[in-house]
Amino acid sequence: RVGHERRPALSFVAGDALALPFADDVFDAVTISFG
């Protein structure tokens, strides 16, 4: 919510790291910082 308010140009997605809402082999890179 805060992110969308401050950075509306970004496409935020709600997601659980143990059940990501994405298909296989979708991303060229994945990153996680302090999470």
Full PDB file with SEQRES, HELIX, SHEET, SSBOND, CRYST1, ORIGX, SCALE, CONECT and MASTER records, all heavy atoms in Angstrom:
SEQRES   1 A   35  ARG VAL GLY HIS GLU ARG ARG PRO ALA LEU SER PHE VAL          
SEQRES   2 A   35  ALA GLY ASP ALA LEU ALA LEU PRO PHE ALA ASP ASP VAL          
SEQRES   3 A   35  PHE ASP ALA VAL THR ILE SER PHE GLY                          
HELIX    1 AA1 VAL A    2  ARG A    6  1                                   5    
CRYST1    1.000    1.000    1.000  90.00  90.00  90.00 P 1           1          
ORIGX1      1.000000  0.000000  0.000000        0.00000                         
ORIGX2      0.000000  1.000000  0.000000        0.00000                         
ORIGX3      0.000000  0.000000  1.000000        0.00000                         
SCALE1      1.000000  0.000000  0.000000        0.00000                         
SCALE2      0.000000  1.000000  0.000000        0.00000                         
SCALE3      0.000000  0.000000  1.000000        0.00000                         
ATOM      1  N   ARG A   1       0.838  -1.210   0.000  1.00  0.00           N  
ATOM      2  CA  ARG A   1       0.000   0.000   0.000  1.00  0.00           C  
ATOM      3  C   ARG A   1       0.868   1.253   0.000  1.00  0.00           C  
ATOM      4  O   ARG A   1       0.666   2.171  -0.806  1.00  0.00           O  
ATOM      5  CB  ARG A   1      -0.914  -0.004   1.223  1.00  0.00           C  
ATOM      6  CG  ARG A   1      -1.728   1.278   1.380  1.00  0.00           C  
ATOM      7  CD  ARG A   1      -2.492   1.300   2.689  1.00  0.00           C  
ATOM      8  NE  ARG A   1      -1.635   1.144   3.851  1.00  0.00           N  
ATOM      9  CZ  ARG A   1      -0.887   2.121   4.367  1.00  0.00           C  
ATOM     10  NH1 ARG A   1      -0.883   3.338   3.824  1.00  0.00           N  
ATOM     11  NH2 ARG A   1      -0.141   1.904   5.440  1.00  0.00           N  
ATOM     12  N   VAL A   2       1.848   1.297   0.901  1.00  0.00           N  
ATOM     13  CA  VAL A   2       2.734   2.460   0.970  1.00  0.00           C  
ATOM     14  C   VAL A   2       3.530   2.593  -0.325  1.00  0.00           C  
ATOM     15  O   VAL A   2       3.708   3.693  -0.861  1.00  0.00           O  
ATOM     16  CB  VAL A   2       3.680   2.351   2.184  1.00  0.00           C  
ATOM     17  CG1 VAL A   2       4.715   3.474   2.170  1.00  0.00           C  
ATOM     18  CG2 VAL A   2       2.877   2.409   3.489  1.00  0.00           C  
ATOM     19  N   GLY A   3       4.016   1.458  -0.842  1.00  0.00           N  
ATOM     20  CA  GLY A   3       4.775   1.499  -2.081  1.00  0.00           C  
ATOM     21  C   GLY A   3       3.962   2.032  -3.249  1.00  0.00           C  
ATOM     22  O   GLY A   3       4.454   2.846  -4.036  1.00  0.00           O  
ATOM     23  N   HIS A   4       2.719   1.585  -3.347  1.00  0.00           N  
ATOM     24  CA  HIS A   4       1.855   2.049  -4.437  1.00  0.00           C  
ATOM     25  C   HIS A   4       1.575   3.539  -4.316  1.00  0.00           C  
ATOM     26  O   HIS A   4       1.526   4.257  -5.332  1.00  0.00           O  
ATOM     27  CB  HIS A   4       0.547   1.263  -4.448  1.00  0.00           C  
ATOM     28  CG  HIS A   4      -0.382   1.668  -5.554  1.00  0.00           C  
ATOM     29  ND1 HIS A   4      -0.131   1.389  -6.876  1.00  0.00           N  
ATOM     30  CD2 HIS A   4      -1.554   2.368  -5.525  1.00  0.00           C  
ATOM     31  CE1 HIS A   4      -1.100   1.881  -7.624  1.00  0.00           C  
ATOM     32  NE2 HIS A   4      -1.976   2.481  -6.836  1.00  0.00           N  
ATOM     33  N   GLU A   5       1.427   4.027  -3.093  1.00  0.00           N  
ATOM     34  CA  GLU A   5       1.181   5.454  -2.897  1.00  0.00           C  
ATOM     35  C   GLU A   5       2.393   6.287  -3.302  1.00  0.00           C  
ATOM     36  O   GLU A   5       2.254   7.358  -3.905  1.00  0.00           O  
ATOM     37  CB  GLU A   5       0.837   5.720  -1.430  1.00  0.00           C  
ATOM     38  CG  GLU A   5      -0.526   5.177  -1.008  1.00  0.00           C  
ATOM     39  CD  GLU A   5      -0.752   5.289   0.484  1.00  0.00           C  
ATOM     40  OE1 GLU A   5       0.202   5.690   1.205  1.00  0.00           O  
ATOM     41  OE2 GLU A   5      -1.854   4.957   0.944  1.00  0.00           O  
ATOM     42  N   ARG A   6       3.589   5.798  -2.984  1.00  0.00           N  
ATOM     43  CA  ARG A   6       4.804   6.576  -3.234  1.00  0.00           C  
ATOM     44  C   ARG A   6       5.344   6.374  -4.650  1.00  0.00           C  
ATOM     45  O   ARG A   6       5.987   7.265  -5.201  1.00  0.00           O  
ATOM     46  CB  ARG A   6       5.878   6.185  -2.210  1.00  0.00           C  
ATOM     47  CG  ARG A   6       5.523   6.561  -0.789  1.00  0.00           C  
ATOM     48  CD  ARG A   6       6.585   6.091   0.192  1.00  0.00           C  
ATOM     49  NE  ARG A   6       6.212   6.416   1.566  1.00  0.00           N  
ATOM     50  CZ  ARG A   6       6.882   6.012   2.632  1.00  0.00           C  
ATOM     51  NH1 ARG A   6       7.975   5.265   2.493  1.00  0.00           N  
ATOM     52  NH2 ARG A   6       6.481   6.340   3.846  1.00  0.00           N  
ATOM     53  N   ARG A   7       5.110   5.198  -5.212  1.00  0.00           N  
ATOM     54  CA  ARG A   7       5.698   4.861  -6.518  1.00  0.00           C  
ATOM     55  C   ARG A   7       4.630   4.213  -7.402  1.00  0.00           C  
ATOM     56  O   ARG A   7       4.705   3.026  -7.723  1.00  0.00           O  
ATOM     57  CB  ARG A   7       6.886   3.924  -6.317  1.00  0.00           C  
ATOM     58  CG  ARG A   7       7.969   4.543  -5.420  1.00  0.00           C  
ATOM     59  CD  ARG A   7       9.101   3.588  -5.104  1.00  0.00           C  
ATOM     60  NE  ARG A   7      10.087   4.274  -4.289  1.00  0.00           N  
ATOM     61  CZ  ARG A   7      10.129   4.228  -2.953  1.00  0.00           C  
ATOM     62  NH1 ARG A   7       9.233   3.511  -2.297  1.00  0.00           N  
ATOM     63  NH2 ARG A   7      11.051   4.891  -2.294  1.00  0.00           N  
ATOM     64  N   PRO A   8       3.629   4.973  -7.810  1.00  0.00           N  
ATOM     65  CA  PRO A   8       2.494   4.414  -8.561  1.00  0.00           C  
ATOM     66  C   PRO A   8       2.883   3.852  -9.929  1.00  0.00           C  
ATOM     67  O   PRO A   8       2.115   3.090 -10.518  1.00  0.00           O  
ATOM     68  CB  PRO A   8       1.537   5.602  -8.692  1.00  0.00           C  
ATOM     69  CG  PRO A   8       2.385   6.813  -8.514  1.00  0.00           C  
ATOM     70  CD  PRO A   8       3.450   6.420  -7.548  1.00  0.00           C  
ATOM     71  N   ALA A   9       4.056   4.206 -10.437  1.00  0.00           N  
ATOM     72  CA  ALA A   9       4.466   3.693 -11.750  1.00  0.00           C  
ATOM     73  C   ALA A   9       4.909   2.237 -11.691  1.00  0.00           C  
ATOM     74  O   ALA A   9       4.962   1.561 -12.727  1.00  0.00           O  
ATOM     75  CB  ALA A   9       5.597   4.550 -12.312  1.00  0.00           C  
ATOM     76  N   LEU A  10       5.226   1.739 -10.486  1.00  0.00           N  
ATOM     77  CA  LEU A  10       5.659   0.347 -10.341  1.00  0.00           C  
ATOM     78  C   LEU A  10       4.451  -0.580 -10.246  1.00  0.00           C  
ATOM     79  O   LEU A  10       3.419  -0.218  -9.668  1.00  0.00           O  
ATOM     80  CB  LEU A  10       6.535   0.186  -9.101  1.00  0.00           C  
ATOM     81  CG  LEU A  10       7.889   0.910  -9.112  1.00  0.00           C  
ATOM     82  CD1 LEU A  10       8.596   0.705  -7.776  1.00  0.00           C  
ATOM     83  CD2 LEU A  10       8.760   0.415 -10.254  1.00  0.00           C  
ATOM     84  N   SER A  11       4.603  -1.778 -10.796  1.00  0.00           N  
ATOM     85  CA  SER A  11       3.509  -2.768 -10.790  1.00  0.00           C  
ATOM     86  C   SER A  11       3.703  -3.738  -9.623  1.00  0.00           C  
ATOM     87  O   SER A  11       4.287  -4.820  -9.771  1.00  0.00           O  
ATOM     88  CB  SER A  11       3.489  -3.525 -12.120  1.00  0.00           C  
ATOM     89  OG  SER A  11       3.267  -2.633 -13.191  1.00  0.00           O  
ATOM     90  N   PHE A  12       3.211  -3.352  -8.449  1.00  0.00           N  
ATOM     91  CA  PHE A  12       3.368  -4.159  -7.246  1.00  0.00           C  
ATOM     92  C   PHE A  12       2.481  -5.403  -7.303  1.00  0.00           C  
ATOM     93  O   PHE A  12       1.359  -5.357  -7.809  1.00  0.00           O  
ATOM     94  CB  PHE A  12       3.017  -3.342  -6.006  1.00  0.00           C  
ATOM     95  CG  PHE A  12       4.028  -2.272  -5.676  1.00  0.00           C  
ATOM     96  CD1 PHE A  12       3.886  -0.985  -6.178  1.00  0.00           C  
ATOM     97  CD2 PHE A  12       5.112  -2.542  -4.867  1.00  0.00           C  
ATOM     98  CE1 PHE A  12       4.812   0.015  -5.879  1.00  0.00           C  
ATOM     99  CE2 PHE A  12       6.043  -1.568  -4.556  1.00  0.00           C  
ATOM    100  CZ  PHE A  12       5.893  -0.279  -5.067  1.00  0.00           C  
ATOM    101  N   VAL A  13       3.004  -6.510  -6.755  1.00  0.00           N  
ATOM    102  CA  VAL A  13       2.263  -7.769  -6.709  1.00  0.00           C  
ATOM    103  C   VAL A  13       2.352  -8.342  -5.300  1.00  0.00           C  
ATOM    104  O   VAL A  13       3.432  -8.380  -4.699  1.00  0.00           O  
ATOM    105  CB  VAL A  13       2.841  -8.791  -7.717  1.00  0.00           C  
ATOM    106  CG1 VAL A  13       2.199 -10.158  -7.537  1.00  0.00           C  
ATOM    107  CG2 VAL A  13       2.650  -8.299  -9.144  1.00  0.00           C  
ATOM    108  N   ALA A  14       1.227  -8.781  -4.759  1.00  0.00           N  
ATOM    109  CA  ALA A  14       1.225  -9.490  -3.482  1.00  0.00           C  
ATOM    110  C   ALA A  14       1.618 -10.939  -3.729  1.00  0.00           C  
ATOM    111  O   ALA A  14       1.039 -11.595  -4.601  1.00  0.00           O  
ATOM    112  CB  ALA A  14      -0.163  -9.416  -2.838  1.00  0.00           C  
ATOM    113  N   GLY A  15       2.607 -11.414  -2.987  1.00  0.00           N  
ATOM    114  CA  GLY A  15       3.062 -12.773  -3.236  1.00  0.00           C  
ATOM    115  C   GLY A  15       3.804 -13.367  -2.061  1.00  0.00           C  
ATOM    116  O   GLY A  15       4.501 -12.673  -1.320  1.00  0.00           O  
ATOM    117  N   ASP A  16       3.642 -14.675  -1.900  1.00  0.00           N  
ATOM    118  CA  ASP A  16       4.289 -15.463  -0.860  1.00  0.00           C  
ATOM    119  C   ASP A  16       5.537 -16.107  -1.455  1.00  0.00           C  
ATOM    120  O   ASP A  16       5.467 -16.756  -2.507  1.00  0.00           O  
ATOM    121  CB  ASP A  16       3.310 -16.532  -0.377  1.00  0.00           C  
ATOM    122  CG  ASP A  16       3.839 -17.388   0.761  1.00  0.00           C  
ATOM    123  OD1 ASP A  16       5.061 -17.409   0.997  1.00  0.00           O  
ATOM    124  OD2 ASP A  16       3.015 -18.061   1.413  1.00  0.00           O  
ATOM    125  N   ALA A  17       6.683 -15.949  -0.804  1.00  0.00           N  
ATOM    126  CA  ALA A  17       7.940 -16.490  -1.320  1.00  0.00           C  
ATOM    127  C   ALA A  17       7.906 -18.001  -1.488  1.00  0.00           C  
ATOM    128  O   ALA A  17       8.670 -18.557  -2.283  1.00  0.00           O  
ATOM    129  CB  ALA A  17       9.090 -16.111  -0.386  1.00  0.00           C  
ATOM    130  N   LEU A  18       7.016 -18.674  -0.758  1.00  0.00           N  
ATOM    131  CA  LEU A  18       6.944 -20.132  -0.837  1.00  0.00           C  
ATOM    132  C   LEU A  18       5.905 -20.616  -1.843  1.00  0.00           C  
ATOM    133  O   LEU A  18       5.781 -21.818  -2.072  1.00  0.00           O  
ATOM    134  CB  LEU A  18       6.640 -20.710   0.548  1.00  0.00           C  
ATOM    135  CG  LEU A  18       7.729 -20.461   1.590  1.00  0.00           C  
ATOM    136  CD1 LEU A  18       7.300 -20.981   2.954  1.00  0.00           C  
ATOM    137  CD2 LEU A  18       9.045 -21.098   1.166  1.00  0.00           C  
ATOM    138  N   ALA A  19       5.178 -19.696  -2.439  1.00  0.00           N  
ATOM    139  CA  ALA A  19       4.183 -20.046  -3.469  1.00  0.00           C  
ATOM    140  C   ALA A  19       4.018 -18.844  -4.388  1.00  0.00           C  
ATOM    141  O   ALA A  19       2.982 -18.190  -4.409  1.00  0.00           O  
ATOM    142  CB  ALA A  19       2.864 -20.437  -2.835  1.00  0.00           C  
ATOM    143  N   LEU A  20       5.048 -18.557  -5.164  1.00  0.00           N  
ATOM    144  CA  LEU A  20       5.039 -17.365  -5.999  1.00  0.00           C  
ATOM    145  C   LEU A  20       3.951 -17.442  -7.068  1.00  0.00           C  
ATOM    146  O   LEU A  20       3.760 -18.493  -7.683  1.00  0.00           O  
ATOM    147  CB  LEU A  20       6.405 -17.189  -6.661  1.00  0.00           C  
ATOM    148  CG  LEU A  20       7.550 -16.854  -5.703  1.00  0.00           C  
ATOM    149  CD1 LEU A  20       8.893 -16.927  -6.426  1.00  0.00           C  
ATOM    150  CD2 LEU A  20       7.353 -15.471  -5.091  1.00  0.00           C  
ATOM    151  N   PRO A  21       3.255 -16.337  -7.322  1.00  0.00           N  
ATOM    152  CA  PRO A  21       2.141 -16.337  -8.282  1.00  0.00           C  
ATOM    153  C   PRO A  21       2.608 -16.127  -9.725  1.00  0.00           C  
ATOM    154  O   PRO A  21       2.036 -15.326 -10.465  1.00  0.00           O  
ATOM    155  CB  PRO A  21       1.296 -15.158  -7.796  1.00  0.00           C  
ATOM    156  CG  PRO A  21       2.295 -14.198  -7.251  1.00  0.00           C  
ATOM    157  CD  PRO A  21       3.369 -15.048  -6.609  1.00  0.00           C  
ATOM    158  N   PHE A  22       3.657 -16.861 -10.110  1.00  0.00           N  
ATOM    159  CA  PHE A  22       4.224 -16.717 -11.446  1.00  0.00           C  
ATOM    160  C   PHE A  22       4.470 -18.095 -12.063  1.00  0.00           C  
ATOM    161  O   PHE A  22       4.679 -19.082 -11.350  1.00  0.00           O  
ATOM    162  CB  PHE A  22       5.542 -15.940 -11.397  1.00  0.00           C  
ATOM    163  CG  PHE A  22       5.458 -14.624 -10.674  1.00  0.00           C  
ATOM    164  CD1 PHE A  22       6.106 -14.434  -9.465  1.00  0.00           C  
ATOM    165  CD2 PHE A  22       4.714 -13.581 -11.199  1.00  0.00           C  
ATOM    166  CE1 PHE A  22       6.021 -13.236  -8.784  1.00  0.00           C  
ATOM    167  CE2 PHE A  22       4.621 -12.368 -10.530  1.00  0.00           C  
ATOM    168  CZ  PHE A  22       5.272 -12.194  -9.316  1.00  0.00           C  
ATOM    169  N   ALA A  23       4.456 -18.146 -13.388  1.00  0.00           N  
ATOM    170  CA  ALA A  23       4.712 -19.396 -14.105  1.00  0.00           C  
ATOM    171  C   ALA A  23       6.196 -19.749 -14.056  1.00  0.00           C  
ATOM    172  O   ALA A  23       7.037 -18.950 -13.622  1.00  0.00           O  
ATOM    173  CB  ALA A  23       4.251 -19.261 -15.556  1.00  0.00           C  
ATOM    174  N   ASP A  24       6.531 -20.938 -14.499  1.00  0.00           N  
ATOM    175  CA  ASP A  24       7.921 -21.375 -14.557  1.00  0.00           C  
ATOM    176  C   ASP A  24       8.701 -20.565 -15.592  1.00  0.00           C  
ATOM    177  O   ASP A  24       8.159 -20.134 -16.617  1.00  0.00           O  
ATOM    178  CB  ASP A  24       8.001 -22.857 -14.952  1.00  0.00           C  
ATOM    179  CG  ASP A  24       7.353 -23.785 -13.939  1.00  0.00           C  
ATOM    180  OD1 ASP A  24       6.956 -23.299 -12.857  1.00  0.00           O  
ATOM    181  OD2 ASP A  24       7.245 -24.987 -14.239  1.00  0.00           O  
ATOM    182  N   ASP A  25      10.003 -20.377 -15.315  1.00  0.00           N  
ATOM    183  CA  ASP A  25      10.943 -19.823 -16.296  1.00  0.00           C  
ATOM    184  C   ASP A  25      10.520 -18.458 -16.851  1.00  0.00           C  
ATOM    185  O   ASP A  25      10.714 -18.172 -18.032  1.00  0.00           O  
ATOM    186  CB  ASP A  25      11.121 -20.803 -17.469  1.00  0.00           C  
ATOM    187  CG  ASP A  25      11.526 -22.199 -17.020  1.00  0.00           C  
ATOM    188  OD1 ASP A  25      12.139 -22.325 -15.946  1.00  0.00           O  
ATOM    189  OD2 ASP A  25      11.222 -23.163 -17.747  1.00  0.00           O  
ATOM    190  N   VAL A  26       9.979 -17.605 -15.990  1.00  0.00           N  
ATOM    191  CA  VAL A  26       9.458 -16.301 -16.440  1.00  0.00           C  
ATOM    192  C   VAL A  26      10.514 -15.205 -16.402  1.00  0.00           C  
ATOM    193  O   VAL A  26      10.552 -14.341 -17.287  1.00  0.00           O  
ATOM    194  CB  VAL A  26       8.247 -15.893 -15.571  1.00  0.00           C  
ATOM    195  CG1 VAL A  26       7.824 -14.463 -15.874  1.00  0.00           C  
ATOM    196  CG2 VAL A  26       7.087 -16.838 -15.792  1.00  0.00           C  
ATOM    197  N   PHE A  27      11.388 -15.221 -15.404  1.00  0.00           N  
ATOM    198  CA  PHE A  27      12.257 -14.073 -15.141  1.00  0.00           C  
ATOM    199  C   PHE A  27      13.697 -14.318 -15.598  1.00  0.00           C  
ATOM    200  O   PHE A  27      14.231 -15.412 -15.481  1.00  0.00           O  
ATOM    201  CB  PHE A  27      12.239 -13.729 -13.651  1.00  0.00           C  
ATOM    202  CG  PHE A  27      10.898 -13.260 -13.158  1.00  0.00           C  
ATOM    203  CD1 PHE A  27      10.050 -14.116 -12.474  1.00  0.00           C  
ATOM    204  CD2 PHE A  27      10.476 -11.963 -13.412  1.00  0.00           C  
ATOM    205  CE1 PHE A  27       8.807 -13.689 -12.035  1.00  0.00           C  
ATOM    206  CE2 PHE A  27       9.232 -11.527 -12.972  1.00  0.00           C  
ATOM    207  CZ  PHE A  27       8.397 -12.380 -12.288  1.00  0.00           C  
ATOM    208  N   ASP A  28      14.310 -13.239 -16.078  1.00  0.00           N  
ATOM    209  CA  ASP A  28      15.731 -13.278 -16.422  1.00  0.00           C  
ATOM    210  C   ASP A  28      16.608 -13.168 -15.185  1.00  0.00           C  
ATOM    211  O   ASP A  28      17.742 -13.664 -15.168  1.00  0.00           O  
ATOM    212  CB  ASP A  28      16.061 -12.115 -17.368  1.00  0.00           C  
ATOM    213  CG  ASP A  28      15.296 -12.202 -18.673  1.00  0.00           C  
ATOM    214  OD1 ASP A  28      15.535 -13.159 -19.427  1.00  0.00           O  
ATOM    215  OD2 ASP A  28      14.446 -11.327 -18.919  1.00  0.00           O  
ATOM    216  N   ALA A  29      16.102 -12.514 -14.161  1.00  0.00           N  
ATOM    217  CA  ALA A  29      16.834 -12.365 -12.904  1.00  0.00           C  
ATOM    218  C   ALA A  29      15.834 -12.270 -11.764  1.00  0.00           C  
ATOM    219  O   ALA A  29      14.734 -11.726 -11.925  1.00  0.00           O  
ATOM    220  CB  ALA A  29      17.726 -11.125 -12.937  1.00  0.00           C  
ATOM    221  N   VAL A  30      16.228 -12.811 -10.619  1.00  0.00           N  
ATOM    222  CA  VAL A  30      15.415 -12.699  -9.404  1.00  0.00           C  
ATOM    223  C   VAL A  30      16.338 -12.217  -8.287  1.00  0.00           C  
ATOM    224  O   VAL A  30      17.506 -12.617  -8.219  1.00  0.00           O  
ATOM    225  CB  VAL A  30      14.748 -14.034  -9.018  1.00  0.00           C  
ATOM    226  CG1 VAL A  30      13.739 -14.451 -10.067  1.00  0.00           C  
ATOM    227  CG2 VAL A  30      15.771 -15.145  -8.815  1.00  0.00           C  
ATOM    228  N   THR A  31      15.821 -11.371  -7.444  1.00  0.00           N  
ATOM    229  CA  THR A  31      16.637 -10.837  -6.364  1.00  0.00           C  
ATOM    230  C   THR A  31      15.790 -10.668  -5.109  1.00  0.00           C  
ATOM    231  O   THR A  31      14.572 -10.431  -5.183  1.00  0.00           O  
ATOM    232  CB  THR A  31      17.277  -9.492  -6.778  1.00  0.00           C  
ATOM    233  OG1 THR A  31      18.123  -9.027  -5.726  1.00  0.00           O  
ATOM    234  CG2 THR A  31      16.224  -8.445  -7.088  1.00  0.00           C  
ATOM    235  N   ILE A  32      16.431 -10.813  -3.977  1.00  0.00           N  
ATOM    236  CA  ILE A  32      15.762 -10.612  -2.696  1.00  0.00           C  
ATOM    237  C   ILE A  32      16.775 -10.006  -1.731  1.00  0.00           C  
ATOM    238  O   ILE A  32      17.854 -10.557  -1.526  1.00  0.00           O  
ATOM    239  CB  ILE A  32      15.154 -11.926  -2.147  1.00  0.00           C  
ATOM    240  CG1 ILE A  32      14.465 -11.685  -0.793  1.00  0.00           C  
ATOM    241  CG2 ILE A  32      16.180 -13.042  -2.060  1.00  0.00           C  
ATOM    242  CD1 ILE A  32      13.604 -12.871  -0.337  1.00  0.00           C  
ATOM    243  N   SER A  33      16.438  -8.851  -1.188  1.00  0.00           N  
ATOM    244  CA  SER A  33      17.333  -8.136  -0.283  1.00  0.00           C  
ATOM    245  C   SER A  33      16.715  -8.049   1.105  1.00  0.00           C  
ATOM    246  O   SER A  33      15.622  -7.497   1.272  1.00  0.00           O  
ATOM    247  CB  SER A  33      17.615  -6.723  -0.818  1.00  0.00           C  
ATOM    248  OG  SER A  33      18.308  -6.777  -2.044  1.00  0.00           O  
ATOM    249  N   PHE A  34      17.419  -8.610   2.073  1.00  0.00           N  
ATOM    250  CA  PHE A  34      17.009  -8.550   3.473  1.00  0.00           C  
ATOM    251  C   PHE A  34      15.607  -9.120   3.685  1.00  0.00           C  
ATOM    252  O   PHE A  34      14.858  -8.661   4.539  1.00  0.00           O  
ATOM    253  CB  PHE A  34      17.105  -7.111   4.003  1.00  0.00           C  
ATOM    254  CG  PHE A  34      18.454  -6.499   3.748  1.00  0.00           C  
ATOM    255  CD1 PHE A  34      18.619  -5.520   2.774  1.00  0.00           C  
ATOM    256  CD2 PHE A  34      19.559  -6.945   4.437  1.00  0.00           C  
ATOM    257  CE1 PHE A  34      19.866  -4.976   2.510  1.00  0.00           C  
ATOM    258  CE2 PHE A  34      20.823  -6.406   4.171  1.00  0.00           C  
ATOM    259  CZ  PHE A  34      20.978  -5.426   3.212  1.00  0.00           C  
ATOM    260  N   GLY A  35      15.266 -10.119   2.876  1.00  0.00           N  
ATOM    261  CA  GLY A  35      13.956 -10.743   3.001  1.00  0.00           C  
ATOM    262  C   GLY A  35      14.025 -12.246   3.145  1.00  0.00           C  
ATOM    263  O   GLY A  35      13.138 -12.849   3.757  1.00  0.00           O  
TER     264      GLY A  35                                                      
MASTER        0    0    0    1    0    0    0    6  263    1    0    3          
END                                                                             
